[in-house]
Amino acid sequence: MSVLGWILIAVAAALAAYVAMLYNGLVNVKHAVSRAWSNIDVLLKQRHDEIPKLVETCRQYRQFEQETLEKVIRARALVQAAREKQDVSALGPAESALRSSLGGLFAVAEAYPDLKANENFLQLQARISQLENAIADRREFYNESVNVNNVRIEQFPDLIVARTFKFGPAKLLEFGAAEIADVDMKQLFA
């Protein structure tokens, strides 16, 4: 075999190795998005399990507003449905509704001194607040993973490999304007 033949084989092998490296990098970022979603999903499930305990604790106070509890239950169901379907587009509005209804529940609880002093209520309130903070952290990590994925599949030469092997964009987990706005404390306690 001639020197030119060996050069062509070396170039083809180098090109194949480069394409394999790009492919493996794209697989890695795609799985990073899945891993980040799984982290959010675990926290959503934990919070999903805590909310009925909170509702039941509030329900024990007969005079507690039933409408407030029903809003929390409906919002929880919306989040659960979006979580189970892994529907990132539906999860954002569902999360906004749940956070709003939980904020309303905690605000209404202020009018019930016995409930506010209840150890179970205080523990559940603290646990849900911790989970909310953890979800916010994981949401940031998820969106960063999505961003890395989406940038990689649009950059040259990665986009050639991404299109060839059908790597697609992922959706950001976005919440509504109400979710990122400052809380109107007057409205919560009105």
N, C-alpha and C. Protein backbone atom coordinates (compact mmCIF):
# COMPACT_ATOMS: atom_id res chain seq x y z
N MET A 1 0.86 -1.17 0.00
CA MET A 1 0.00 0.00 0.00
C MET A 1 0.90 1.23 0.00
N SER A 2 0.46 2.24 -0.73
CA SER A 2 1.26 3.45 -0.86
C SER A 2 1.10 4.35 0.36
N VAL A 3 1.96 5.32 0.44
CA VAL A 3 1.94 6.29 1.53
C VAL A 3 0.63 7.06 1.51
N LEU A 4 0.15 7.39 0.32
CA LEU A 4 -1.12 8.12 0.20
C LEU A 4 -2.27 7.29 0.75
N GLY A 5 -2.26 6.01 0.53
CA GLY A 5 -3.28 5.10 1.06
C GLY A 5 -3.28 5.10 2.57
N TRP A 6 -2.06 5.03 3.16
CA TRP A 6 -1.96 5.06 4.62
C TRP A 6 -2.42 6.40 5.19
N ILE A 7 -2.12 7.47 4.49
CA ILE A 7 -2.56 8.80 4.94
C ILE A 7 -4.08 8.88 4.92
N LEU A 8 -4.71 8.37 3.84
CA LEU A 8 -6.17 8.39 3.75
C LEU A 8 -6.80 7.54 4.85
N ILE A 9 -6.22 6.40 5.14
CA ILE A 9 -6.73 5.55 6.22
C ILE A 9 -6.59 6.26 7.57
N ALA A 10 -5.47 6.92 7.79
CA ALA A 10 -5.24 7.65 9.04
C ALA A 10 -6.23 8.80 9.18
N VAL A 11 -6.48 9.53 8.09
CA VAL A 11 -7.44 10.65 8.12
C VAL A 11 -8.84 10.11 8.38
N ALA A 12 -9.23 9.01 7.73
CA ALA A 12 -10.55 8.42 7.93
C ALA A 12 -10.71 7.93 9.37
N ALA A 13 -9.67 7.32 9.92
CA ALA A 13 -9.72 6.85 11.31
C ALA A 13 -9.83 8.04 12.28
N ALA A 14 -9.08 9.10 12.01
CA ALA A 14 -9.14 10.29 12.86
C ALA A 14 -10.52 10.93 12.79
N LEU A 15 -11.10 10.99 11.59
CA LEU A 15 -12.43 11.56 11.41
C LEU A 15 -13.48 10.71 12.12
N ALA A 16 -13.37 9.40 12.02
CA ALA A 16 -14.30 8.50 12.71
C ALA A 16 -14.18 8.66 14.22
N ALA A 17 -12.96 8.79 14.72
CA ALA A 17 -12.75 8.98 16.16
C ALA A 17 -13.34 10.32 16.60
N TYR A 18 -13.20 11.36 15.78
CA TYR A 18 -13.74 12.67 16.12
C TYR A 18 -15.27 12.63 16.15
N VAL A 19 -15.90 11.99 15.17
CA VAL A 19 -17.36 11.86 15.14
C VAL A 19 -17.83 11.06 16.36
N ALA A 20 -17.12 9.99 16.70
CA ALA A 20 -17.48 9.20 17.89
C ALA A 20 -17.37 10.04 19.15
N MET A 21 -16.35 10.90 19.23
CA MET A 21 -16.18 11.77 20.38
C MET A 21 -17.35 12.77 20.47
N LEU A 22 -17.73 13.35 19.34
CA LEU A 22 -18.87 14.27 19.32
C LEU A 22 -20.16 13.56 19.73
N TYR A 23 -20.36 12.37 19.19
CA TYR A 23 -21.55 11.58 19.50
C TYR A 23 -21.61 11.29 21.00
N ASN A 24 -20.51 10.83 21.56
CA ASN A 24 -20.47 10.51 22.99
C ASN A 24 -20.71 11.75 23.85
N GLY A 25 -20.19 12.89 23.42
CA GLY A 25 -20.44 14.13 24.14
C GLY A 25 -21.91 14.51 24.12
N LEU A 26 -22.56 14.33 22.98
CA LEU A 26 -23.99 14.62 22.88
C LEU A 26 -24.83 13.65 23.72
N VAL A 27 -24.44 12.40 23.75
CA VAL A 27 -25.12 11.42 24.60
C VAL A 27 -24.98 11.83 26.06
N ASN A 28 -23.81 12.28 26.43
CA ASN A 28 -23.56 12.70 27.81
C ASN A 28 -24.46 13.87 28.20
N VAL A 29 -24.56 14.90 27.35
CA VAL A 29 -25.41 16.05 27.73
C VAL A 29 -26.89 15.68 27.70
N LYS A 30 -27.27 14.78 26.81
CA LYS A 30 -28.68 14.33 26.78
C LYS A 30 -29.02 13.61 28.09
N HIS A 31 -28.12 12.78 28.55
CA HIS A 31 -28.37 12.07 29.80
C HIS A 31 -28.25 12.99 31.02
N ALA A 32 -27.48 14.04 30.91
CA ALA A 32 -27.41 15.02 32.00
C ALA A 32 -28.77 15.69 32.18
N VAL A 33 -29.47 15.95 31.09
CA VAL A 33 -30.82 16.51 31.17
C VAL A 33 -31.75 15.51 31.86
N SER A 34 -31.67 14.26 31.49
CA SER A 34 -32.51 13.23 32.12
C SER A 34 -32.20 13.09 33.60
N ARG A 35 -30.92 13.14 33.95
CA ARG A 35 -30.52 13.05 35.35
C ARG A 35 -31.05 14.24 36.14
N ALA A 36 -30.95 15.42 35.54
CA ALA A 36 -31.43 16.63 36.21
C ALA A 36 -32.95 16.56 36.41
N TRP A 37 -33.66 16.04 35.41
CA TRP A 37 -35.11 15.88 35.54
C TRP A 37 -35.43 14.88 36.66
N SER A 38 -34.68 13.81 36.73
CA SER A 38 -34.90 12.81 37.78
C SER A 38 -34.72 13.41 39.16
N ASN A 39 -33.74 14.29 39.31
CA ASN A 39 -33.53 14.96 40.60
C ASN A 39 -34.75 15.80 40.99
N ILE A 40 -35.32 16.51 40.03
CA ILE A 40 -36.53 17.30 40.29
C ILE A 40 -37.68 16.37 40.61
N ASP A 41 -37.80 15.31 39.86
CA ASP A 41 -38.90 14.37 40.03
C ASP A 41 -38.92 13.77 41.44
N VAL A 42 -37.75 13.44 41.96
CA VAL A 42 -37.66 12.88 43.32
C VAL A 42 -38.20 13.89 44.33
N LEU A 43 -37.80 15.14 44.20
CA LEU A 43 -38.25 16.17 45.14
C LEU A 43 -39.75 16.45 44.98
N LEU A 44 -40.22 16.46 43.74
CA LEU A 44 -41.66 16.67 43.53
C LEU A 44 -42.47 15.55 44.17
N LYS A 45 -41.96 14.33 44.07
CA LYS A 45 -42.64 13.18 44.68
C LYS A 45 -42.65 13.31 46.20
N GLN A 46 -41.52 13.72 46.77
CA GLN A 46 -41.46 13.89 48.22
C GLN A 46 -42.46 14.95 48.68
N ARG A 47 -42.50 16.07 47.95
CA ARG A 47 -43.44 17.13 48.33
C ARG A 47 -44.87 16.65 48.12
N HIS A 48 -45.09 15.91 47.05
CA HIS A 48 -46.41 15.35 46.75
C HIS A 48 -46.89 14.49 47.92
N ASP A 49 -45.99 13.76 48.53
CA ASP A 49 -46.34 12.90 49.67
C ASP A 49 -46.58 13.69 50.96
N GLU A 50 -45.98 14.85 51.08
CA GLU A 50 -46.12 15.66 52.30
C GLU A 50 -47.41 16.49 52.31
N ILE A 51 -47.87 16.89 51.15
CA ILE A 51 -49.03 17.80 51.09
C ILE A 51 -50.29 17.19 51.70
N PRO A 52 -50.62 15.91 51.44
CA PRO A 52 -51.82 15.36 52.09
C PRO A 52 -51.74 15.40 53.61
N LYS A 53 -50.55 15.21 54.15
CA LYS A 53 -50.38 15.28 55.60
C LYS A 53 -50.68 16.69 56.10
N LEU A 54 -50.22 17.68 55.35
CA LEU A 54 -50.47 19.07 55.71
C LEU A 54 -51.97 19.39 55.63
N VAL A 55 -52.60 18.95 54.55
CA VAL A 55 -54.04 19.19 54.37
C VAL A 55 -54.82 18.52 55.50
N GLU A 56 -54.46 17.29 55.83
CA GLU A 56 -55.16 16.57 56.90
C GLU A 56 -54.98 17.26 58.25
N THR A 57 -53.77 17.75 58.50
CA THR A 57 -53.52 18.47 59.75
C THR A 57 -54.41 19.71 59.83
N CYS A 58 -54.53 20.43 58.72
CA CYS A 58 -55.39 21.63 58.69
C CYS A 58 -56.86 21.25 58.79
N ARG A 59 -57.22 20.15 58.15
CA ARG A 59 -58.62 19.71 58.14
C ARG A 59 -59.11 19.38 59.55
N GLN A 60 -58.21 19.00 60.43
CA GLN A 60 -58.58 18.66 61.81
C GLN A 60 -59.15 19.87 62.53
N TYR A 61 -58.84 21.04 62.07
CA TYR A 61 -59.41 22.27 62.63
C TYR A 61 -60.67 22.55 61.84
N ARG A 62 -61.79 22.15 62.36
CA ARG A 62 -63.08 22.15 61.65
C ARG A 62 -63.40 23.46 60.94
N GLN A 63 -63.05 24.55 61.57
CA GLN A 63 -63.41 25.83 60.98
C GLN A 63 -62.45 26.25 59.86
N PHE A 64 -61.38 25.46 59.63
CA PHE A 64 -60.40 25.84 58.60
C PHE A 64 -61.08 25.88 57.24
N GLU A 65 -60.73 26.86 56.44
CA GLU A 65 -61.39 27.11 55.17
C GLU A 65 -61.22 25.94 54.20
N GLN A 66 -62.34 25.32 53.86
CA GLN A 66 -62.35 24.16 52.96
C GLN A 66 -61.89 24.55 51.56
N GLU A 67 -62.27 25.72 51.12
CA GLU A 67 -61.91 26.17 49.77
C GLU A 67 -60.39 26.24 49.60
N THR A 68 -59.70 26.70 50.63
CA THR A 68 -58.24 26.79 50.59
C THR A 68 -57.63 25.40 50.45
N LEU A 69 -58.14 24.45 51.21
CA LEU A 69 -57.64 23.07 51.13
C LEU A 69 -57.90 22.46 49.76
N GLU A 70 -59.08 22.72 49.21
CA GLU A 70 -59.42 22.17 47.89
C GLU A 70 -58.51 22.73 46.80
N LYS A 71 -58.13 24.01 46.90
CA LYS A 71 -57.20 24.60 45.93
C LYS A 71 -55.86 23.88 45.98
N VAL A 72 -55.39 23.59 47.18
CA VAL A 72 -54.12 22.88 47.33
C VAL A 72 -54.22 21.48 46.72
N ILE A 73 -55.33 20.80 46.99
CA ILE A 73 -55.51 19.43 46.48
C ILE A 73 -55.58 19.42 44.95
N ARG A 74 -56.32 20.38 44.37
CA ARG A 74 -56.41 20.45 42.90
C ARG A 74 -55.06 20.76 42.28
N ALA A 75 -54.34 21.71 42.86
CA ALA A 75 -53.03 22.07 42.33
C ALA A 75 -52.05 20.91 42.44
N ARG A 76 -52.12 20.18 43.54
CA ARG A 76 -51.26 19.01 43.74
C ARG A 76 -51.52 17.97 42.65
N ALA A 77 -52.79 17.78 42.31
CA ALA A 77 -53.15 16.82 41.26
C ALA A 77 -52.59 17.24 39.91
N LEU A 78 -52.61 18.54 39.62
CA LEU A 78 -52.06 19.04 38.35
C LEU A 78 -50.56 18.79 38.26
N VAL A 79 -49.86 19.04 39.36
CA VAL A 79 -48.41 18.81 39.38
C VAL A 79 -48.12 17.33 39.20
N GLN A 80 -48.89 16.49 39.88
CA GLN A 80 -48.68 15.05 39.78
C GLN A 80 -48.89 14.56 38.35
N ALA A 81 -49.94 15.05 37.70
CA ALA A 81 -50.21 14.63 36.32
C ALA A 81 -49.08 15.06 35.39
N ALA A 82 -48.60 16.28 35.54
CA ALA A 82 -47.50 16.76 34.70
C ALA A 82 -46.22 16.00 34.99
N ARG A 83 -45.99 15.70 36.26
CA ARG A 83 -44.79 14.96 36.65
C ARG A 83 -44.80 13.56 36.06
N GLU A 84 -45.93 12.88 36.17
CA GLU A 84 -46.03 11.51 35.66
C GLU A 84 -45.85 11.45 34.15
N LYS A 85 -46.35 12.47 33.44
CA LYS A 85 -46.22 12.52 31.98
C LYS A 85 -44.87 13.10 31.55
N GLN A 86 -44.10 13.59 32.52
CA GLN A 86 -42.85 14.29 32.26
C GLN A 86 -43.09 15.44 31.27
N ASP A 87 -44.21 16.13 31.47
CA ASP A 87 -44.61 17.24 30.62
C ASP A 87 -44.10 18.54 31.23
N VAL A 88 -42.91 18.95 30.77
CA VAL A 88 -42.26 20.13 31.33
C VAL A 88 -43.10 21.38 31.08
N SER A 89 -43.78 21.44 29.93
CA SER A 89 -44.60 22.61 29.61
C SER A 89 -45.77 22.75 30.58
N ALA A 90 -46.38 21.65 30.97
CA ALA A 90 -47.52 21.70 31.90
C ALA A 90 -47.07 21.85 33.34
N LEU A 91 -45.85 21.42 33.64
CA LEU A 91 -45.37 21.46 35.01
C LEU A 91 -45.19 22.89 35.52
N GLY A 92 -44.71 23.78 34.67
CA GLY A 92 -44.50 25.16 35.09
C GLY A 92 -45.77 25.82 35.63
N PRO A 93 -46.87 25.85 34.84
CA PRO A 93 -48.11 26.44 35.36
C PRO A 93 -48.68 25.68 36.55
N ALA A 94 -48.54 24.36 36.55
CA ALA A 94 -49.05 23.57 37.68
C ALA A 94 -48.28 23.90 38.95
N GLU A 95 -46.96 24.03 38.84
CA GLU A 95 -46.14 24.41 39.98
C GLU A 95 -46.52 25.80 40.49
N SER A 96 -46.77 26.72 39.58
CA SER A 96 -47.17 28.07 39.98
C SER A 96 -48.47 28.02 40.77
N ALA A 97 -49.43 27.23 40.29
CA ALA A 97 -50.71 27.11 41.00
C ALA A 97 -50.53 26.47 42.37
N LEU A 98 -49.68 25.46 42.46
CA LEU A 98 -49.46 24.79 43.74
C LEU A 98 -48.77 25.73 44.73
N ARG A 99 -47.77 26.42 44.28
CA ARG A 99 -47.06 27.34 45.18
C ARG A 99 -47.99 28.45 45.66
N SER A 100 -48.83 28.93 44.77
CA SER A 100 -49.79 29.97 45.13
C SER A 100 -50.78 29.45 46.17
N SER A 101 -51.30 28.24 45.93
CA SER A 101 -52.28 27.68 46.86
C SER A 101 -51.65 27.35 48.21
N LEU A 102 -50.40 26.88 48.21
CA LEU A 102 -49.70 26.64 49.48
C LEU A 102 -49.45 27.95 50.22
N GLY A 103 -49.09 28.99 49.48
CA GLY A 103 -48.91 30.30 50.09
C GLY A 103 -50.21 30.77 50.74
N GLY A 104 -51.33 30.54 50.03
CA GLY A 104 -52.63 30.90 50.59
C GLY A 104 -52.95 30.09 51.83
N LEU A 105 -52.63 28.81 51.81
CA LEU A 105 -52.89 27.95 52.97
C LEU A 105 -52.09 28.43 54.19
N PHE A 106 -50.80 28.74 53.97
CA PHE A 106 -49.98 29.20 55.08
C PHE A 106 -50.45 30.56 55.59
N ALA A 107 -50.93 31.40 54.68
CA ALA A 107 -51.45 32.70 55.09
C ALA A 107 -52.73 32.55 55.91
N VAL A 108 -53.63 31.68 55.46
CA VAL A 108 -54.88 31.45 56.18
C VAL A 108 -54.58 30.83 57.55
N ALA A 109 -53.57 29.99 57.62
CA ALA A 109 -53.20 29.34 58.88
C ALA A 109 -52.80 30.36 59.94
N GLU A 110 -52.36 31.52 59.51
CA GLU A 110 -51.99 32.58 60.46
C GLU A 110 -53.18 32.98 61.34
N ALA A 111 -54.40 32.82 60.80
CA ALA A 111 -55.60 33.20 61.55
C ALA A 111 -56.02 32.13 62.57
N TYR A 112 -55.32 31.02 62.61
CA TYR A 112 -55.67 29.91 63.51
C TYR A 112 -54.50 29.67 64.46
N PRO A 113 -54.49 30.32 65.60
CA PRO A 113 -53.36 30.20 66.53
C PRO A 113 -53.09 28.76 66.97
N ASP A 114 -54.15 27.98 67.17
CA ASP A 114 -53.95 26.59 67.60
C ASP A 114 -53.24 25.80 66.50
N LEU A 115 -53.62 26.04 65.27
CA LEU A 115 -52.99 25.35 64.14
C LEU A 115 -51.54 25.80 64.00
N LYS A 116 -51.31 27.10 64.10
CA LYS A 116 -49.96 27.63 64.00
C LYS A 116 -49.04 27.05 65.06
N ALA A 117 -49.60 26.71 66.20
CA ALA A 117 -48.80 26.16 67.30
C ALA A 117 -48.69 24.64 67.23
N ASN A 118 -49.44 24.01 66.33
CA ASN A 118 -49.45 22.56 66.21
C ASN A 118 -48.09 22.08 65.70
N GLU A 119 -47.48 21.15 66.45
CA GLU A 119 -46.14 20.67 66.11
C GLU A 119 -46.11 20.00 64.72
N ASN A 120 -47.13 19.19 64.40
CA ASN A 120 -47.17 18.55 63.09
C ASN A 120 -47.24 19.59 61.97
N PHE A 121 -48.08 20.59 62.16
CA PHE A 121 -48.21 21.64 61.15
C PHE A 121 -46.87 22.35 60.95
N LEU A 122 -46.21 22.70 62.03
CA LEU A 122 -44.94 23.41 61.94
C LEU A 122 -43.88 22.56 61.24
N GLN A 123 -43.84 21.26 61.58
CA GLN A 123 -42.87 20.36 60.94
C GLN A 123 -43.16 20.22 59.45
N LEU A 124 -44.44 20.06 59.10
CA LEU A 124 -44.80 19.92 57.69
C LEU A 124 -44.53 21.21 56.92
N GLN A 125 -44.83 22.33 57.53
CA GLN A 125 -44.57 23.62 56.90
C GLN A 125 -43.07 23.78 56.63
N ALA A 126 -42.25 23.44 57.61
CA ALA A 126 -40.80 23.53 57.43
C ALA A 126 -40.31 22.55 56.36
N ARG A 127 -40.83 21.32 56.39
CA ARG A 127 -40.42 20.31 55.41
C ARG A 127 -40.78 20.73 53.99
N ILE A 128 -41.98 21.25 53.81
CA ILE A 128 -42.41 21.69 52.48
C ILE A 128 -41.57 22.88 52.03
N SER A 129 -41.26 23.78 52.93
CA SER A 129 -40.40 24.92 52.58
C SER A 129 -39.00 24.45 52.17
N GLN A 130 -38.46 23.46 52.87
CA GLN A 130 -37.16 22.90 52.49
C GLN A 130 -37.23 22.27 51.10
N LEU A 131 -38.30 21.54 50.85
CA LEU A 131 -38.46 20.91 49.54
C LEU A 131 -38.60 21.96 48.44
N GLU A 132 -39.32 23.04 48.73
CA GLU A 132 -39.47 24.12 47.75
C GLU A 132 -38.11 24.71 47.38
N ASN A 133 -37.27 24.92 48.39
CA ASN A 133 -35.93 25.46 48.13
C ASN A 133 -35.10 24.47 47.31
N ALA A 134 -35.20 23.21 47.65
CA ALA A 134 -34.44 22.18 46.91
C ALA A 134 -34.94 22.08 45.47
N ILE A 135 -36.24 22.18 45.26
CA ILE A 135 -36.79 22.15 43.90
C ILE A 135 -36.28 23.33 43.10
N ALA A 136 -36.23 24.50 43.72
CA ALA A 136 -35.71 25.69 43.02
C ALA A 136 -34.25 25.48 42.61
N ASP A 137 -33.44 24.89 43.51
CA ASP A 137 -32.05 24.60 43.17
C ASP A 137 -31.94 23.61 42.02
N ARG A 138 -32.74 22.56 42.09
CA ARG A 138 -32.70 21.52 41.05
C ARG A 138 -33.24 22.06 39.72
N ARG A 139 -34.22 22.96 39.81
CA ARG A 139 -34.75 23.56 38.58
C ARG A 139 -33.65 24.35 37.88
N GLU A 140 -32.85 25.06 38.65
CA GLU A 140 -31.73 25.81 38.08
C GLU A 140 -30.74 24.85 37.40
N PHE A 141 -30.42 23.76 38.07
CA PHE A 141 -29.50 22.76 37.50
C PHE A 141 -30.10 22.12 36.24
N TYR A 142 -31.40 21.80 36.29
CA TYR A 142 -32.07 21.21 35.12
C TYR A 142 -32.00 22.17 33.93
N ASN A 143 -32.35 23.44 34.17
CA ASN A 143 -32.35 24.41 33.07
C ASN A 143 -30.95 24.63 32.51
N GLU A 144 -29.94 24.57 33.37
CA GLU A 144 -28.56 24.67 32.88
C GLU A 144 -28.22 23.45 32.01
N SER A 145 -28.63 22.27 32.41
CA SER A 145 -28.39 21.06 31.62
C SER A 145 -29.11 21.15 30.28
N VAL A 146 -30.33 21.65 30.28
CA VAL A 146 -31.09 21.82 29.04
C VAL A 146 -30.37 22.82 28.14
N ASN A 147 -29.89 23.90 28.73
CA ASN A 147 -29.19 24.92 27.95
C ASN A 147 -27.94 24.35 27.29
N VAL A 148 -27.16 23.58 28.05
CA VAL A 148 -25.95 22.96 27.49
C VAL A 148 -26.32 22.03 26.34
N ASN A 149 -27.36 21.22 26.53
CA ASN A 149 -27.83 20.32 25.49
C ASN A 149 -28.23 21.10 24.24
N ASN A 150 -29.06 22.11 24.42
CA ASN A 150 -29.59 22.85 23.28
C ASN A 150 -28.51 23.63 22.54
N VAL A 151 -27.53 24.14 23.25
CA VAL A 151 -26.42 24.84 22.60
C VAL A 151 -25.57 23.84 21.82
N ARG A 152 -25.27 22.71 22.42
CA ARG A 152 -24.44 21.71 21.74
C ARG A 152 -25.06 21.23 20.44
N ILE A 153 -26.36 20.99 20.43
CA ILE A 153 -26.96 20.45 19.20
C ILE A 153 -27.11 21.52 18.11
N GLU A 154 -26.86 22.78 18.46
CA GLU A 154 -26.93 23.85 17.46
C GLU A 154 -25.55 24.31 16.99
N GLN A 155 -24.49 23.93 17.70
CA GLN A 155 -23.14 24.37 17.34
C GLN A 155 -22.54 23.46 16.28
N PHE A 156 -21.76 24.08 15.40
CA PHE A 156 -21.01 23.33 14.41
C PHE A 156 -19.73 22.84 15.05
N PRO A 157 -19.30 21.66 14.88
CA PRO A 157 -19.77 20.58 14.02
C PRO A 157 -20.75 19.63 14.72
N ASP A 158 -21.07 19.90 16.00
CA ASP A 158 -21.96 19.01 16.74
C ASP A 158 -23.32 18.87 16.06
N LEU A 159 -23.79 19.96 15.43
CA LEU A 159 -25.12 19.91 14.83
C LEU A 159 -25.21 18.86 13.73
N ILE A 160 -24.11 18.60 13.05
CA ILE A 160 -24.12 17.56 12.00
C ILE A 160 -24.39 16.18 12.62
N VAL A 161 -23.66 15.89 13.68
CA VAL A 161 -23.85 14.61 14.37
C VAL A 161 -25.23 14.58 15.03
N ALA A 162 -25.65 15.70 15.64
CA ALA A 162 -26.95 15.76 16.31
C ALA A 162 -28.09 15.50 15.32
N ARG A 163 -28.02 16.10 14.16
CA ARG A 163 -29.08 15.89 13.17
C ARG A 163 -29.03 14.48 12.59
N THR A 164 -27.84 13.99 12.37
CA THR A 164 -27.69 12.64 11.82
C THR A 164 -28.29 11.60 12.75
N PHE A 165 -28.04 11.76 14.05
CA PHE A 165 -28.52 10.78 15.02
C PHE A 165 -29.77 11.23 15.78
N LYS A 166 -30.40 12.29 15.27
CA LYS A 166 -31.69 12.79 15.78
C LYS A 166 -31.66 13.16 17.27
N PHE A 167 -30.65 13.88 17.68
CA PHE A 167 -30.63 14.47 19.02
C PHE A 167 -31.49 15.72 18.95
N GLY A 168 -32.45 15.82 19.85
CA GLY A 168 -33.36 16.97 19.81
C GLY A 168 -33.17 17.90 20.98
N PRO A 169 -33.79 19.07 20.87
CA PRO A 169 -33.71 20.02 21.97
C PRO A 169 -34.58 19.57 23.14
N ALA A 170 -34.23 20.02 24.32
CA ALA A 170 -35.03 19.75 25.51
C ALA A 170 -35.73 21.06 25.89
N LYS A 171 -36.79 20.94 26.68
CA LYS A 171 -37.55 22.12 27.09
C LYS A 171 -37.09 22.60 28.45
N LEU A 172 -36.98 23.92 28.56
CA LEU A 172 -36.67 24.53 29.85
C LEU A 172 -37.88 24.40 30.77
N LEU A 173 -37.62 24.32 32.04
CA LEU A 173 -38.69 24.31 33.04
C LEU A 173 -38.91 25.75 33.45
N GLU A 174 -39.96 26.34 32.90
CA GLU A 174 -40.25 27.75 33.14
C GLU A 174 -41.54 27.88 33.92
N PHE A 175 -41.53 28.85 34.82
CA PHE A 175 -42.72 29.15 35.60
C PHE A 175 -43.27 30.48 35.15
N GLY A 176 -44.52 30.71 35.49
CA GLY A 176 -45.18 31.93 35.07
C GLY A 176 -44.63 33.16 35.76
N ALA A 177 -45.07 34.32 35.27
CA ALA A 177 -44.61 35.60 35.81
C ALA A 177 -44.93 35.70 37.30
N ALA A 178 -46.06 35.15 37.71
CA ALA A 178 -46.44 35.21 39.12
C ALA A 178 -45.45 34.44 39.99
N GLU A 179 -44.83 33.42 39.44
CA GLU A 179 -43.89 32.60 40.19
C GLU A 179 -42.61 33.37 40.53
N ILE A 180 -42.19 34.25 39.63
CA ILE A 180 -40.93 34.96 39.85
C ILE A 180 -41.13 36.36 40.40
N ALA A 181 -42.39 36.79 40.49
CA ALA A 181 -42.67 38.12 41.03
C ALA A 181 -42.55 38.10 42.56
N ASP A 182 -42.37 39.29 43.13
CA ASP A 182 -42.35 39.41 44.58
C ASP A 182 -43.71 39.02 45.14
N VAL A 183 -43.72 38.42 46.30
CA VAL A 183 -44.97 38.02 46.94
C VAL A 183 -45.66 39.26 47.49
N ASP A 184 -46.95 39.38 47.18
CA ASP A 184 -47.76 40.48 47.70
C ASP A 184 -48.33 40.05 49.04
N MET A 185 -47.64 40.42 50.11
CA MET A 185 -48.04 39.97 51.45
C MET A 185 -49.41 40.52 51.84
N LYS A 186 -49.76 41.72 51.41
CA LYS A 186 -51.08 42.28 51.73
C LYS A 186 -52.18 41.40 51.15
N GLN A 187 -51.97 40.91 49.93
CA GLN A 187 -52.98 40.06 49.29
C GLN A 187 -53.11 38.72 50.02
N LEU A 188 -51.98 38.16 50.47
CA LEU A 188 -52.03 36.87 51.17
C LEU A 188 -52.80 36.95 52.47
N PHE A 189 -52.71 38.08 53.16
CA PHE A 189 -53.35 38.21 54.45
C PHE A 189 -54.66 38.97 54.40
N ALA A 190 -55.15 39.26 53.20
CA ALA A 190 -56.41 39.99 53.06
C ALA A 190 -57.59 39.10 53.34
